[in-house]
Amino acid sequence: QVQLVESGGGLVQPGGSLRLSCVASGFTLAYYGIGWFRQAPGKEREGVSCISMSDAYTNYSESVKGRFTISRDNAKKTVYLQMNSLKPEDTAVYYCARQRYRCSGPPLSWGQGTQVTVSS
């Protein structure tokens, strides 16, 4: 069974940092990408970043570029999203998702999400 489990969310002040983790299981990771998405209240779910598990191809949305860094540890079957210089507008539920190689096309499956709240 495909399973994606996010962790690392919480409450942080503006300008602070958090690192999210996504632990994947139930599929051969090398053939897929793992993406991060977020959904704020009243907003559409949007893509944040994605990484190919085989060759570490990455992409980022313009709103997080330069502040967030995606990385992977294939041995741990884990993808990380390091979030720095956090802003209140980053507040959202963050989801990881299984995607096709090099993150082409829409997500194939989802994790349960982890809440990130940026507030003073």
N, C-alpha and C. Protein backbone atom coordinates (compact mmCIF):
# COMPACT_ATOMS: atom_id res chain seq x y z
N GLN A 1 0.84 -1.18 0.00
CA GLN A 1 0.00 0.00 0.00
C GLN A 1 0.88 1.24 0.00
N VAL A 2 0.60 2.16 -0.90
CA VAL A 2 1.33 3.42 -0.95
C VAL A 2 0.98 4.23 0.30
N GLN A 3 2.02 4.72 0.96
CA GLN A 3 1.81 5.53 2.15
C GLN A 3 2.82 6.67 2.17
N LEU A 4 2.33 7.86 2.45
CA LEU A 4 3.14 9.05 2.60
C LEU A 4 2.77 9.70 3.92
N VAL A 5 3.75 9.92 4.78
CA VAL A 5 3.50 10.44 6.11
C VAL A 5 4.33 11.69 6.32
N GLU A 6 3.64 12.82 6.50
CA GLU A 6 4.30 14.09 6.74
C GLU A 6 4.47 14.33 8.24
N SER A 7 5.51 15.07 8.58
CA SER A 7 5.70 15.51 9.95
C SER A 7 6.55 16.78 9.94
N GLY A 8 6.62 17.44 11.08
CA GLY A 8 7.48 18.60 11.24
C GLY A 8 6.77 19.93 11.27
N GLY A 9 5.47 19.93 11.04
CA GLY A 9 4.73 21.18 11.10
C GLY A 9 4.60 21.69 12.52
N GLY A 10 4.15 22.92 12.63
CA GLY A 10 3.97 23.53 13.93
C GLY A 10 3.79 25.02 13.82
N LEU A 11 3.91 25.67 14.96
CA LEU A 11 3.77 27.12 15.06
C LEU A 11 5.15 27.75 15.11
N VAL A 12 5.37 28.74 14.25
CA VAL A 12 6.66 29.42 14.20
C VAL A 12 6.42 30.91 13.96
N GLN A 13 7.31 31.73 14.47
CA GLN A 13 7.20 33.18 14.27
C GLN A 13 7.69 33.57 12.88
N PRO A 14 7.19 34.69 12.36
CA PRO A 14 7.71 35.17 11.08
C PRO A 14 9.23 35.30 11.11
N GLY A 15 9.85 34.87 10.02
CA GLY A 15 11.30 34.86 9.95
C GLY A 15 11.94 33.58 10.44
N GLY A 16 11.16 32.73 11.06
CA GLY A 16 11.67 31.48 11.58
C GLY A 16 11.77 30.40 10.54
N SER A 17 12.13 29.21 11.00
CA SER A 17 12.37 28.08 10.11
C SER A 17 11.69 26.83 10.63
N LEU A 18 11.33 25.96 9.71
CA LEU A 18 10.84 24.63 10.01
C LEU A 18 11.36 23.68 8.95
N ARG A 19 11.49 22.42 9.32
CA ARG A 19 11.82 21.39 8.35
C ARG A 19 10.74 20.32 8.37
N LEU A 20 10.10 20.15 7.23
CA LEU A 20 9.09 19.12 7.07
C LEU A 20 9.72 17.85 6.53
N SER A 21 9.17 16.72 6.92
CA SER A 21 9.62 15.43 6.44
C SER A 21 8.46 14.67 5.83
N CYS A 22 8.76 13.90 4.82
CA CYS A 22 7.78 13.01 4.19
C CYS A 22 8.43 11.65 4.05
N VAL A 23 7.91 10.68 4.78
CA VAL A 23 8.42 9.31 4.72
C VAL A 23 7.52 8.50 3.80
N ALA A 24 8.10 7.92 2.78
CA ALA A 24 7.35 7.19 1.76
C ALA A 24 7.56 5.69 1.89
N SER A 25 6.53 4.94 1.56
CA SER A 25 6.61 3.49 1.57
C SER A 25 5.58 2.92 0.62
N GLY A 26 5.75 1.65 0.26
CA GLY A 26 4.77 0.95 -0.55
C GLY A 26 4.97 1.07 -2.04
N PHE A 27 6.07 1.66 -2.47
CA PHE A 27 6.37 1.76 -3.89
C PHE A 27 7.86 1.95 -4.09
N THR A 28 8.31 1.75 -5.31
CA THR A 28 9.72 1.89 -5.64
C THR A 28 10.00 3.36 -5.90
N LEU A 29 10.66 3.99 -4.94
CA LEU A 29 10.82 5.44 -4.99
C LEU A 29 11.62 5.93 -6.18
N ALA A 30 12.55 5.13 -6.66
CA ALA A 30 13.45 5.56 -7.72
C ALA A 30 12.72 5.95 -8.99
N TYR A 31 11.53 5.45 -9.19
CA TYR A 31 10.79 5.71 -10.42
C TYR A 31 9.84 6.90 -10.30
N TYR A 32 9.89 7.60 -9.20
CA TYR A 32 8.92 8.66 -8.94
C TYR A 32 9.57 9.93 -8.44
N GLY A 33 8.77 10.98 -8.41
CA GLY A 33 9.11 12.19 -7.71
C GLY A 33 8.24 12.35 -6.48
N ILE A 34 8.69 13.14 -5.53
CA ILE A 34 7.91 13.49 -4.36
C ILE A 34 7.76 15.01 -4.33
N GLY A 35 6.54 15.46 -4.31
CA GLY A 35 6.26 16.89 -4.30
C GLY A 35 5.66 17.35 -3.00
N TRP A 36 5.84 18.63 -2.73
CA TRP A 36 5.18 19.30 -1.61
C TRP A 36 4.15 20.28 -2.15
N PHE A 37 2.97 20.23 -1.57
CA PHE A 37 1.89 21.12 -1.89
C PHE A 37 1.39 21.76 -0.61
N ARG A 38 0.66 22.84 -0.73
CA ARG A 38 0.07 23.46 0.45
C ARG A 38 -1.30 24.03 0.12
N GLN A 39 -2.12 24.10 1.14
CA GLN A 39 -3.45 24.66 0.99
C GLN A 39 -3.77 25.51 2.20
N ALA A 40 -3.95 26.80 1.96
CA ALA A 40 -4.34 27.74 2.99
C ALA A 40 -5.85 27.85 3.03
N PRO A 41 -6.41 28.29 4.15
CA PRO A 41 -7.87 28.44 4.24
C PRO A 41 -8.42 29.32 3.13
N GLY A 42 -9.43 28.83 2.44
CA GLY A 42 -10.05 29.59 1.37
C GLY A 42 -9.26 29.67 0.09
N LYS A 43 -8.15 28.95 0.00
CA LYS A 43 -7.29 29.00 -1.18
C LYS A 43 -7.23 27.64 -1.87
N GLU A 44 -6.86 27.68 -3.13
CA GLU A 44 -6.63 26.45 -3.87
C GLU A 44 -5.33 25.80 -3.41
N ARG A 45 -5.29 24.48 -3.49
CA ARG A 45 -4.05 23.79 -3.21
C ARG A 45 -3.03 24.11 -4.30
N GLU A 46 -1.83 24.46 -3.89
CA GLU A 46 -0.81 24.86 -4.84
C GLU A 46 0.47 24.05 -4.65
N GLY A 47 1.16 23.85 -5.74
CA GLY A 47 2.44 23.18 -5.68
C GLY A 47 3.50 24.09 -5.10
N VAL A 48 4.36 23.54 -4.27
CA VAL A 48 5.44 24.28 -3.63
C VAL A 48 6.79 23.87 -4.20
N SER A 49 7.04 22.58 -4.23
CA SER A 49 8.33 22.08 -4.69
C SER A 49 8.20 20.61 -5.00
N CYS A 50 9.16 20.09 -5.76
CA CYS A 50 9.16 18.67 -6.09
C CYS A 50 10.58 18.22 -6.36
N ILE A 51 10.84 16.96 -6.09
CA ILE A 51 12.16 16.39 -6.32
C ILE A 51 12.01 15.00 -6.92
N SER A 52 12.85 14.72 -7.90
CA SER A 52 12.95 13.37 -8.45
C SER A 52 13.83 12.52 -7.55
N MET A 53 13.35 11.35 -7.19
CA MET A 53 14.10 10.52 -6.26
C MET A 53 15.32 9.87 -6.89
N SER A 54 15.35 9.76 -8.21
CA SER A 54 16.47 9.10 -8.87
C SER A 54 17.64 10.03 -9.15
N ASP A 55 17.36 11.23 -9.66
CA ASP A 55 18.44 12.12 -10.06
C ASP A 55 18.40 13.49 -9.39
N ALA A 56 17.51 13.67 -8.43
CA ALA A 56 17.42 14.90 -7.63
C ALA A 56 17.03 16.13 -8.44
N TYR A 57 16.40 15.93 -9.57
CA TYR A 57 15.77 17.06 -10.26
C TYR A 57 14.83 17.76 -9.29
N THR A 58 14.84 19.08 -9.29
CA THR A 58 13.99 19.84 -8.39
C THR A 58 13.28 20.97 -9.12
N ASN A 59 12.16 21.37 -8.57
CA ASN A 59 11.52 22.60 -8.98
C ASN A 59 10.90 23.28 -7.77
N TYR A 60 10.62 24.58 -7.91
CA TYR A 60 10.06 25.38 -6.84
C TYR A 60 9.06 26.36 -7.41
N SER A 61 8.05 26.67 -6.64
CA SER A 61 7.16 27.76 -7.01
C SER A 61 7.88 29.09 -6.79
N GLU A 62 7.46 30.11 -7.52
CA GLU A 62 8.11 31.41 -7.41
C GLU A 62 7.97 31.99 -6.00
N SER A 63 6.90 31.69 -5.31
CA SER A 63 6.67 32.28 -4.00
C SER A 63 7.62 31.77 -2.93
N VAL A 64 8.21 30.61 -3.14
CA VAL A 64 9.11 30.04 -2.13
C VAL A 64 10.55 29.95 -2.59
N LYS A 65 10.81 30.22 -3.84
CA LYS A 65 12.15 30.11 -4.39
C LYS A 65 13.12 31.00 -3.62
N GLY A 66 14.24 30.43 -3.23
CA GLY A 66 15.23 31.15 -2.45
C GLY A 66 15.04 31.05 -0.95
N ARG A 67 13.88 30.60 -0.51
CA ARG A 67 13.60 30.45 0.92
C ARG A 67 13.47 28.99 1.33
N PHE A 68 12.91 28.18 0.46
CA PHE A 68 12.68 26.76 0.75
C PHE A 68 13.68 25.92 -0.04
N THR A 69 14.07 24.81 0.54
CA THR A 69 14.95 23.86 -0.13
C THR A 69 14.41 22.45 0.04
N ILE A 70 14.25 21.75 -1.07
CA ILE A 70 13.80 20.37 -1.02
C ILE A 70 15.02 19.46 -1.18
N SER A 71 15.01 18.35 -0.46
CA SER A 71 16.09 17.39 -0.55
C SER A 71 15.55 16.00 -0.26
N ARG A 72 16.36 15.00 -0.55
CA ARG A 72 15.90 13.64 -0.30
C ARG A 72 17.03 12.79 0.26
N ASP A 73 16.64 11.79 1.04
CA ASP A 73 17.54 10.78 1.55
C ASP A 73 16.96 9.45 1.10
N ASN A 74 17.49 8.90 0.03
CA ASN A 74 16.92 7.69 -0.55
C ASN A 74 16.98 6.51 0.42
N ALA A 75 18.06 6.41 1.19
CA ALA A 75 18.20 5.32 2.13
C ALA A 75 17.11 5.35 3.19
N LYS A 76 16.72 6.53 3.61
CA LYS A 76 15.66 6.69 4.61
C LYS A 76 14.28 6.80 3.99
N LYS A 77 14.22 6.79 2.67
CA LYS A 77 12.95 6.94 1.95
C LYS A 77 12.20 8.18 2.42
N THR A 78 12.95 9.26 2.55
CA THR A 78 12.42 10.48 3.12
C THR A 78 12.76 11.68 2.26
N VAL A 79 11.80 12.57 2.11
CA VAL A 79 12.00 13.85 1.45
C VAL A 79 11.78 14.95 2.46
N TYR A 80 12.64 15.95 2.43
CA TYR A 80 12.59 17.05 3.37
C TYR A 80 12.26 18.35 2.65
N LEU A 81 11.60 19.22 3.35
CA LEU A 81 11.39 20.58 2.88
C LEU A 81 11.87 21.52 3.97
N GLN A 82 13.04 22.10 3.76
CA GLN A 82 13.58 23.08 4.69
C GLN A 82 12.98 24.44 4.35
N MET A 83 12.29 25.03 5.30
CA MET A 83 11.59 26.29 5.09
C MET A 83 12.23 27.35 5.97
N ASN A 84 12.83 28.34 5.34
CA ASN A 84 13.47 29.44 6.04
C ASN A 84 12.76 30.74 5.72
N SER A 85 13.03 31.75 6.53
CA SER A 85 12.43 33.08 6.35
C SER A 85 10.93 32.99 6.16
N LEU A 86 10.29 32.26 7.04
CA LEU A 86 8.87 32.01 6.90
C LEU A 86 8.05 33.28 7.07
N LYS A 87 6.99 33.37 6.29
CA LYS A 87 6.09 34.50 6.29
C LYS A 87 4.69 34.05 6.69
N PRO A 88 3.87 34.96 7.21
CA PRO A 88 2.49 34.57 7.54
C PRO A 88 1.75 33.94 6.37
N GLU A 89 2.03 34.39 5.15
CA GLU A 89 1.35 33.82 3.99
C GLU A 89 1.78 32.40 3.67
N ASP A 90 2.80 31.90 4.35
CA ASP A 90 3.16 30.50 4.23
C ASP A 90 2.28 29.59 5.07
N THR A 91 1.44 30.16 5.90
CA THR A 91 0.55 29.37 6.74
C THR A 91 -0.38 28.53 5.88
N ALA A 92 -0.38 27.23 6.11
CA ALA A 92 -1.17 26.31 5.30
C ALA A 92 -1.01 24.91 5.85
N VAL A 93 -1.84 24.01 5.37
CA VAL A 93 -1.59 22.59 5.54
C VAL A 93 -0.68 22.16 4.40
N TYR A 94 0.42 21.53 4.74
CA TYR A 94 1.39 21.08 3.75
C TYR A 94 1.25 19.58 3.54
N TYR A 95 1.18 19.19 2.28
CA TYR A 95 1.01 17.80 1.89
C TYR A 95 2.18 17.36 1.04
N CYS A 96 2.62 16.14 1.22
CA CYS A 96 3.52 15.56 0.23
C CYS A 96 2.73 14.62 -0.67
N ALA A 97 3.26 14.41 -1.86
CA ALA A 97 2.54 13.66 -2.87
C ALA A 97 3.50 12.86 -3.73
N ARG A 98 3.06 11.69 -4.14
CA ARG A 98 3.80 10.90 -5.11
C ARG A 98 3.49 11.43 -6.50
N GLN A 99 4.54 11.67 -7.27
CA GLN A 99 4.40 12.16 -8.62
C GLN A 99 5.22 11.30 -9.58
N ARG A 100 5.00 11.50 -10.85
CA ARG A 100 5.76 10.78 -11.86
C ARG A 100 7.20 11.26 -11.89
N TYR A 101 8.05 10.47 -12.52
CA TYR A 101 9.46 10.81 -12.64
C TYR A 101 9.63 12.24 -13.14
N ARG A 102 10.49 12.96 -12.47
CA ARG A 102 10.76 14.37 -12.73
C ARG A 102 9.51 15.23 -12.58
N CYS A 103 8.58 14.72 -11.78
CA CYS A 103 7.46 15.53 -11.33
C CYS A 103 6.53 15.96 -12.45
N SER A 104 6.47 15.19 -13.49
CA SER A 104 5.58 15.49 -14.60
C SER A 104 4.15 15.10 -14.26
N GLY A 105 3.22 15.89 -14.72
CA GLY A 105 1.81 15.59 -14.53
C GLY A 105 1.33 15.83 -13.12
N PRO A 106 0.07 15.48 -12.86
CA PRO A 106 -0.53 15.71 -11.54
C PRO A 106 -0.07 14.68 -10.52
N PRO A 107 -0.25 14.97 -9.23
CA PRO A 107 0.09 14.00 -8.20
C PRO A 107 -0.69 12.70 -8.35
N LEU A 108 -0.07 11.61 -7.92
CA LEU A 108 -0.67 10.29 -8.00
C LEU A 108 -1.30 9.85 -6.69
N SER A 109 -0.76 10.29 -5.58
CA SER A 109 -1.30 9.97 -4.27
C SER A 109 -0.80 11.01 -3.27
N TRP A 110 -1.47 11.06 -2.12
CA TRP A 110 -1.24 12.12 -1.15
C TRP A 110 -0.99 11.59 0.25
N GLY A 111 -0.25 12.37 1.02
CA GLY A 111 -0.18 12.17 2.45
C GLY A 111 -1.33 12.87 3.15
N GLN A 112 -1.33 12.80 4.47
CA GLN A 112 -2.45 13.33 5.25
C GLN A 112 -2.32 14.82 5.55
N GLY A 113 -1.15 15.37 5.41
CA GLY A 113 -0.92 16.78 5.63
C GLY A 113 -0.39 17.09 7.02
N THR A 114 0.33 18.19 7.13
CA THR A 114 0.82 18.69 8.41
C THR A 114 0.65 20.20 8.43
N GLN A 115 0.16 20.71 9.55
CA GLN A 115 -0.17 22.14 9.65
C GLN A 115 1.08 22.96 9.94
N VAL A 116 1.25 24.02 9.17
CA VAL A 116 2.29 25.01 9.41
C VAL A 116 1.60 26.35 9.66
N THR A 117 1.87 26.94 10.80
CA THR A 117 1.29 28.23 11.15
C THR A 117 2.41 29.21 11.44
N VAL A 118 2.44 30.31 10.71
CA VAL A 118 3.45 31.35 10.89
C VAL A 118 2.75 32.57 11.46
N SER A 119 3.02 32.85 12.71
CA SER A 119 2.32 33.92 13.40
C SER A 119 3.14 34.40 14.58
N SER A 120 3.02 35.69 14.87
CA SER A 120 3.65 36.25 16.05
C SER A 120 2.73 36.20 17.25
